[in-house]
Amino acid sequence: MLAQPEVHTANGSVPATDLFDVRDKVAFIPGGYGGIGAAIARDLAMRGARVAVAGRHPERALALARELALKGQSAFGLGFDVRWPGEIRDAVTQVVDELGGLDILVNCVGTQIEEPLLEVTESAFDSVYAVNLKAAMFLGQAAARYQVASGRAGRHVHILSVRSRLGLRGRGYSAYVASKGGLAALIAQQAVELAPHDITVNGVAPTFVRTELVREYLEDDEFRGALEARIPMGRIAEPADIVGPVVFFVSPAAGFVTGQVLYVDGGITASQ
């Protein structure tokens, strides 16, 4: 019988087949019932993680948790508002109490209010900032506080966008681009502060993904055609395209990777 291939890590040798093993890890997924979040939640649950699906609409979180439970997977749904740090802290406490810990944070929350630069309102800008950047700050903090206090290693992943480094011609994206660019910088800072605690912080930045959030854009034939023409691979991303990079970042395979943003964009940032 052939010997099982092994990969050597700082914590010893790991069977190659275990490089992407997340069995029994607790994954907290704010925004976990959206198009991208649900794909990630389903995949991590299938791989044996205990999944907490969360967001502002508890009925949607509970519905996905029930779907996973019916498949024999471990899942928990809860509602909370990421705009309020106190609710974030309470949600983390609920996850720890319900599932016995917190190993993985996958932040899938995000919003966009499109306004041309000359018409941007303070209320809209603040709303986008609160969800896309401020929430990420306090989600990372709340998860890390538990992980540091318990001596538990952690994996944090935030979903960004290619708009963290690219503007979007002809659209009113000031608030969105500013918040996602700020999130890329926040990932780098949280990564270096948390590295001594064996907590990694990374980001996955797709281009447009076929979800409900961007449905109206993709239904515009002219906009979609121009977008596909700019993407070297010639197509719009699907939620499943985002799952693999997230699994990599939260698994043993990425144990020495932190502070990085992986652009999952069909080559668009390489060509612009």
Protein backbone atom coordinates (compact mmCIF):
# COMPACT_ATOMS: atom_id res chain seq x y z
CA MET A 1 0.00 0.00 0.00
CA LEU A 2 1.31 3.44 -0.88
CA ALA A 3 2.10 5.75 2.03
CA GLN A 4 -0.31 8.62 2.62
CA PRO A 5 1.30 11.83 1.24
CA GLU A 6 2.02 14.37 3.94
CA VAL A 7 2.60 18.11 4.00
CA HIS A 8 4.93 19.57 6.63
CA THR A 9 3.67 22.57 8.59
CA ALA A 10 4.81 24.52 11.65
CA ASN A 11 2.53 22.29 13.74
CA GLY A 12 3.89 19.06 12.34
CA SER A 13 3.02 16.85 9.38
CA VAL A 14 -0.52 16.91 8.02
CA PRO A 15 -1.91 14.28 5.62
CA ALA A 16 -2.32 15.93 2.22
CA THR A 17 -5.99 14.93 2.19
CA ASP A 18 -6.51 17.00 5.38
CA LEU A 19 -5.17 20.27 3.97
CA PHE A 20 -8.70 21.54 3.42
CA ASP A 21 -10.27 19.83 6.41
CA VAL A 22 -12.69 21.99 8.45
CA ARG A 23 -14.48 19.17 10.26
CA ASP A 24 -15.89 20.21 13.65
CA LYS A 25 -14.74 23.81 13.20
CA VAL A 26 -17.32 26.45 14.15
CA ALA A 27 -17.95 28.91 11.33
CA PHE A 28 -19.82 32.18 11.96
CA ILE A 29 -21.15 33.57 8.66
CA PRO A 30 -22.82 36.99 8.88
CA GLY A 31 -24.72 37.49 5.64
CA GLY A 32 -24.71 33.72 5.30
CA TYR A 33 -28.09 33.49 3.59
CA GLY A 34 -27.22 35.77 0.64
CA GLY A 35 -26.12 34.45 -2.73
CA ILE A 36 -22.42 34.19 -1.87
CA GLY A 37 -22.91 33.55 1.85
CA ALA A 38 -25.35 30.67 1.32
CA ALA A 39 -22.97 28.94 -1.10
CA ILE A 40 -20.18 29.22 1.48
CA ALA A 41 -22.41 28.07 4.36
CA ARG A 42 -23.61 25.02 2.42
CA ASP A 43 -20.07 24.03 1.44
CA LEU A 44 -18.56 24.41 4.90
CA ALA A 45 -21.46 22.48 6.45
CA MET A 46 -21.01 19.72 3.86
CA ARG A 47 -17.34 19.54 4.85
CA GLY A 48 -18.32 18.94 8.48
CA ALA A 49 -18.08 22.43 9.97
CA ARG A 50 -20.69 23.60 12.46
CA VAL A 51 -22.21 26.63 10.81
CA ALA A 52 -23.89 29.71 12.30
CA VAL A 53 -25.85 31.56 9.62
CA ALA A 54 -26.68 35.12 10.64
CA GLY A 55 -27.97 38.47 9.45
CA ARG A 56 -30.65 41.14 9.75
CA HIS A 57 -33.40 38.75 8.59
CA PRO A 58 -33.62 35.94 11.16
CA GLU A 59 -36.28 34.08 9.17
CA ARG A 60 -33.84 33.68 6.26
CA ALA A 61 -31.02 32.58 8.58
CA LEU A 62 -33.28 30.05 10.28
CA ALA A 63 -34.58 28.73 6.95
CA LEU A 64 -31.07 27.96 5.69
CA ALA A 65 -30.08 26.45 9.05
CA ARG A 66 -33.11 24.15 8.88
CA GLU A 67 -32.21 23.16 5.31
CA LEU A 68 -28.72 22.16 6.43
CA ALA A 69 -30.01 20.35 9.53
CA LEU A 70 -32.37 18.27 7.38
CA LYS A 71 -29.26 17.02 5.56
CA GLY A 72 -27.77 15.90 8.85
CA GLN A 73 -25.41 18.87 9.08
CA SER A 74 -24.82 21.05 12.13
CA ALA A 75 -26.28 24.54 11.69
CA PHE A 76 -27.70 27.36 13.76
CA GLY A 77 -29.53 30.48 12.57
CA LEU A 78 -29.73 33.84 14.31
CA GLY A 79 -30.68 37.41 13.59
CA PHE A 80 -28.70 40.53 14.43
CA ASP A 81 -27.86 43.91 12.92
CA VAL A 82 -24.20 44.34 11.96
CA ARG A 83 -24.54 48.12 12.14
CA TRP A 84 -24.47 47.95 15.94
CA PRO A 85 -21.30 46.69 17.68
CA GLY A 86 -23.30 45.65 20.75
CA GLU A 87 -25.42 43.32 18.64
CA ILE A 88 -22.28 41.91 17.03
CA ARG A 89 -20.83 41.08 20.44
CA ASP A 90 -24.11 39.46 21.53
CA ALA A 91 -24.22 37.40 18.32
CA VAL A 92 -20.70 36.06 18.92
CA THR A 93 -21.71 35.09 22.45
CA GLN A 94 -24.75 33.26 21.06
CA VAL A 95 -22.64 31.36 18.56
CA VAL A 96 -20.12 30.32 21.21
CA ASP A 97 -22.89 29.23 23.59
CA GLU A 98 -24.83 27.34 20.93
CA LEU A 99 -22.00 25.68 19.00
CA GLY A 100 -19.26 25.50 21.61
CA GLY A 101 -16.75 27.97 20.20
CA LEU A 102 -15.81 30.06 17.20
CA ASP A 103 -12.99 29.13 14.83
CA ILE A 104 -13.93 30.75 11.54
CA LEU A 105 -15.44 34.13 10.67
CA VAL A 106 -16.61 34.62 7.09
CA ASN A 107 -18.00 38.13 6.73
CA CYS A 108 -20.37 38.19 3.77
CA VAL A 109 -22.36 41.32 4.62
CA GLY A 110 -22.39 44.15 2.14
CA THR A 111 -24.56 46.84 0.65
CA GLN A 112 -24.54 49.46 -2.09
CA ILE A 113 -26.50 52.66 -2.62
CA GLU A 114 -25.68 54.03 -6.04
CA GLU A 115 -25.45 57.82 -6.24
CA PRO A 116 -23.48 59.94 -8.73
CA LEU A 117 -20.59 61.78 -7.08
CA LEU A 118 -22.26 65.19 -7.36
CA GLU A 119 -25.39 63.82 -5.68
CA VAL A 120 -23.94 61.65 -2.89
CA THR A 121 -25.83 62.20 0.37
CA GLU A 122 -24.34 61.95 3.82
CA SER A 123 -27.01 59.48 4.92
CA ALA A 124 -26.35 57.10 2.02
CA PHE A 125 -22.58 57.30 2.42
CA ASP A 126 -22.85 56.61 6.16
CA SER A 127 -25.18 53.67 5.54
CA VAL A 128 -22.79 51.99 3.10
CA TYR A 129 -19.80 52.67 5.35
CA ALA A 130 -21.60 51.22 8.40
CA VAL A 131 -22.29 47.89 6.69
CA ASN A 132 -19.24 47.47 4.48
CA LEU A 133 -16.46 48.78 6.73
CA LYS A 134 -17.51 49.57 10.29
CA ALA A 135 -19.24 46.19 10.66
CA ALA A 136 -16.11 44.39 9.43
CA MET A 137 -14.05 46.17 12.08
CA PHE A 138 -16.27 45.05 14.94
CA LEU A 139 -17.01 41.58 13.58
CA GLY A 140 -13.26 40.94 13.48
CA GLN A 141 -12.82 42.44 16.93
CA ALA A 142 -15.59 40.40 18.53
CA ALA A 143 -14.41 37.13 17.02
CA ALA A 144 -10.79 37.85 17.92
CA ARG A 145 -11.61 38.80 21.50
CA TYR A 146 -13.10 35.37 22.06
CA GLN A 147 -10.30 33.57 20.21
CA VAL A 148 -7.49 35.41 22.03
CA ALA A 149 -9.11 34.97 25.45
CA SER A 150 -9.65 31.25 24.86
CA GLY A 151 -6.24 30.66 23.28
CA ARG A 152 -7.99 29.44 20.16
CA ALA A 153 -6.50 29.92 16.70
CA GLY A 154 -8.76 31.62 14.19
CA ARG A 155 -9.42 32.23 10.53
CA HIS A 156 -11.15 35.44 9.41
CA VAL A 157 -12.23 36.04 5.81
CA HIS A 158 -13.98 39.14 4.52
CA ILE A 159 -15.73 39.31 1.16
CA LEU A 160 -14.67 42.47 -0.68
CA SER A 161 -14.86 43.39 -4.35
CA VAL A 162 -12.55 44.31 -7.20
CA ARG A 163 -13.86 47.81 -6.42
CA SER A 164 -11.44 47.83 -3.49
CA ARG A 165 -8.82 48.75 -6.09
CA LEU A 166 -10.77 49.73 -9.23
CA GLY A 167 -13.24 52.52 -9.84
CA LEU A 168 -16.33 51.85 -11.97
CA ARG A 169 -16.70 54.15 -14.92
CA GLY A 170 -20.10 55.72 -15.48
CA ARG A 171 -21.68 54.63 -12.17
CA GLY A 172 -22.11 56.29 -8.79
CA TYR A 173 -19.89 54.05 -6.68
CA SER A 174 -18.08 56.53 -4.39
CA ALA A 175 -19.39 55.09 -1.12
CA TYR A 176 -18.97 51.48 -2.19
CA VAL A 177 -15.44 51.88 -3.55
CA ALA A 178 -14.33 53.87 -0.50
CA SER A 179 -15.71 51.29 1.93
CA LYS A 180 -14.24 48.29 0.11
CA GLY A 181 -10.86 50.01 -0.29
CA GLY A 182 -10.90 50.74 3.42
CA LEU A 183 -11.72 47.10 4.13
CA ALA A 184 -8.63 45.95 2.21
CA ALA A 185 -6.50 48.18 4.46
CA LEU A 186 -8.34 46.99 7.57
CA ILE A 187 -7.62 43.37 6.65
CA ALA A 188 -3.89 44.14 6.50
CA GLN A 189 -3.93 45.89 9.87
CA GLN A 190 -5.99 43.27 11.69
CA ALA A 191 -3.80 40.56 10.18
CA VAL A 192 -0.57 41.95 11.62
CA GLU A 193 -2.12 42.62 15.03
CA LEU A 194 -3.63 39.14 15.29
CA ALA A 195 -0.78 37.13 13.76
CA PRO A 196 0.92 36.49 17.15
CA HIS A 197 -2.29 34.76 18.26
CA ASP A 198 -2.37 32.40 15.24
CA ILE A 199 -5.38 34.24 13.84
CA THR A 200 -5.21 34.90 10.12
CA VAL A 201 -7.20 37.64 8.36
CA ASN A 202 -7.69 37.59 4.59
CA GLY A 203 -10.09 38.78 1.93
CA VAL A 204 -11.73 37.42 -1.20
CA ALA A 205 -12.55 40.08 -3.79
CA PRO A 206 -14.78 39.04 -6.69
CA THR A 207 -16.03 41.05 -9.61
CA PHE A 208 -19.79 41.01 -10.20
CA VAL A 209 -21.26 37.72 -8.98
CA ARG A 210 -24.64 36.51 -10.19
CA THR A 211 -26.67 37.20 -7.03
CA GLU A 212 -29.84 39.07 -6.15
CA LEU A 213 -27.78 42.09 -5.03
CA VAL A 214 -26.66 42.81 -8.60
CA ARG A 215 -29.59 41.33 -10.52
CA GLU A 216 -30.78 44.70 -11.83
CA TYR A 217 -27.32 45.49 -13.20
CA LEU A 218 -27.02 42.16 -14.98
CA GLU A 219 -30.49 42.51 -16.48
CA ASP A 220 -29.20 45.59 -18.31
CA ASP A 221 -27.95 43.99 -21.53
CA GLU A 222 -25.66 46.90 -22.38
CA PHE A 223 -24.05 46.95 -18.93
CA ARG A 224 -23.67 43.16 -18.78
CA GLY A 225 -22.19 42.99 -22.26
CA ALA A 226 -19.65 45.70 -21.48
CA LEU A 227 -18.74 43.95 -18.21
CA GLU A 228 -18.25 40.57 -19.88
CA ALA A 229 -16.11 42.23 -22.54
CA ARG A 230 -13.78 43.63 -19.83
CA ILE A 231 -13.37 40.28 -18.06
CA PRO A 232 -10.66 38.21 -19.80
CA MET A 233 -12.49 34.96 -19.00
CA GLY A 234 -15.58 36.41 -20.65
CA ARG A 235 -18.25 35.59 -18.08
CA ILE A 236 -19.91 36.72 -14.87
CA ALA A 237 -18.83 34.92 -11.69
CA GLU A 238 -21.18 32.45 -10.01
CA PRO A 239 -21.43 32.09 -6.19
CA ALA A 240 -19.67 28.72 -6.47
CA ASP A 241 -16.60 30.49 -7.87
CA ILE A 242 -16.10 32.22 -4.52
CA VAL A 243 -16.37 29.11 -2.35
CA GLY A 244 -12.99 27.53 -3.16
CA PRO A 245 -10.89 30.58 -2.26
CA VAL A 246 -12.78 30.94 1.04
CA VAL A 247 -12.27 27.27 1.89
CA PHE A 248 -8.55 27.70 1.20
CA PHE A 249 -8.25 30.67 3.56
CA VAL A 250 -10.12 28.97 6.44
CA SER A 251 -8.35 25.61 6.12
CA PRO A 252 -4.95 24.30 7.27
CA ALA A 253 -3.70 24.87 3.72
CA ALA A 254 -3.54 28.63 4.37
CA GLY A 255 -2.04 28.48 7.84
CA PHE A 256 0.86 30.76 6.83
CA VAL A 257 -1.20 33.16 4.69
CA THR A 258 -2.48 36.36 6.26
CA GLY A 259 -3.15 39.97 5.32
CA GLN A 260 -3.90 39.03 1.71
CA VAL A 261 -6.72 39.89 -0.67
CA LEU A 262 -7.34 37.33 -3.42
CA TYR A 263 -9.03 38.79 -6.49
CA VAL A 264 -11.44 36.21 -7.89
CA ASP A 265 -12.32 38.17 -10.99
CA GLY A 266 -11.65 36.25 -14.19
CA GLY A 267 -8.54 38.37 -14.76
CA ILE A 268 -10.15 41.82 -14.71
CA THR A 269 -7.66 43.38 -12.27
CA ALA A 270 -4.75 41.85 -14.19
CA SER A 271 -5.89 43.65 -17.32
CA GLN A 272 -6.66 47.10 -15.86
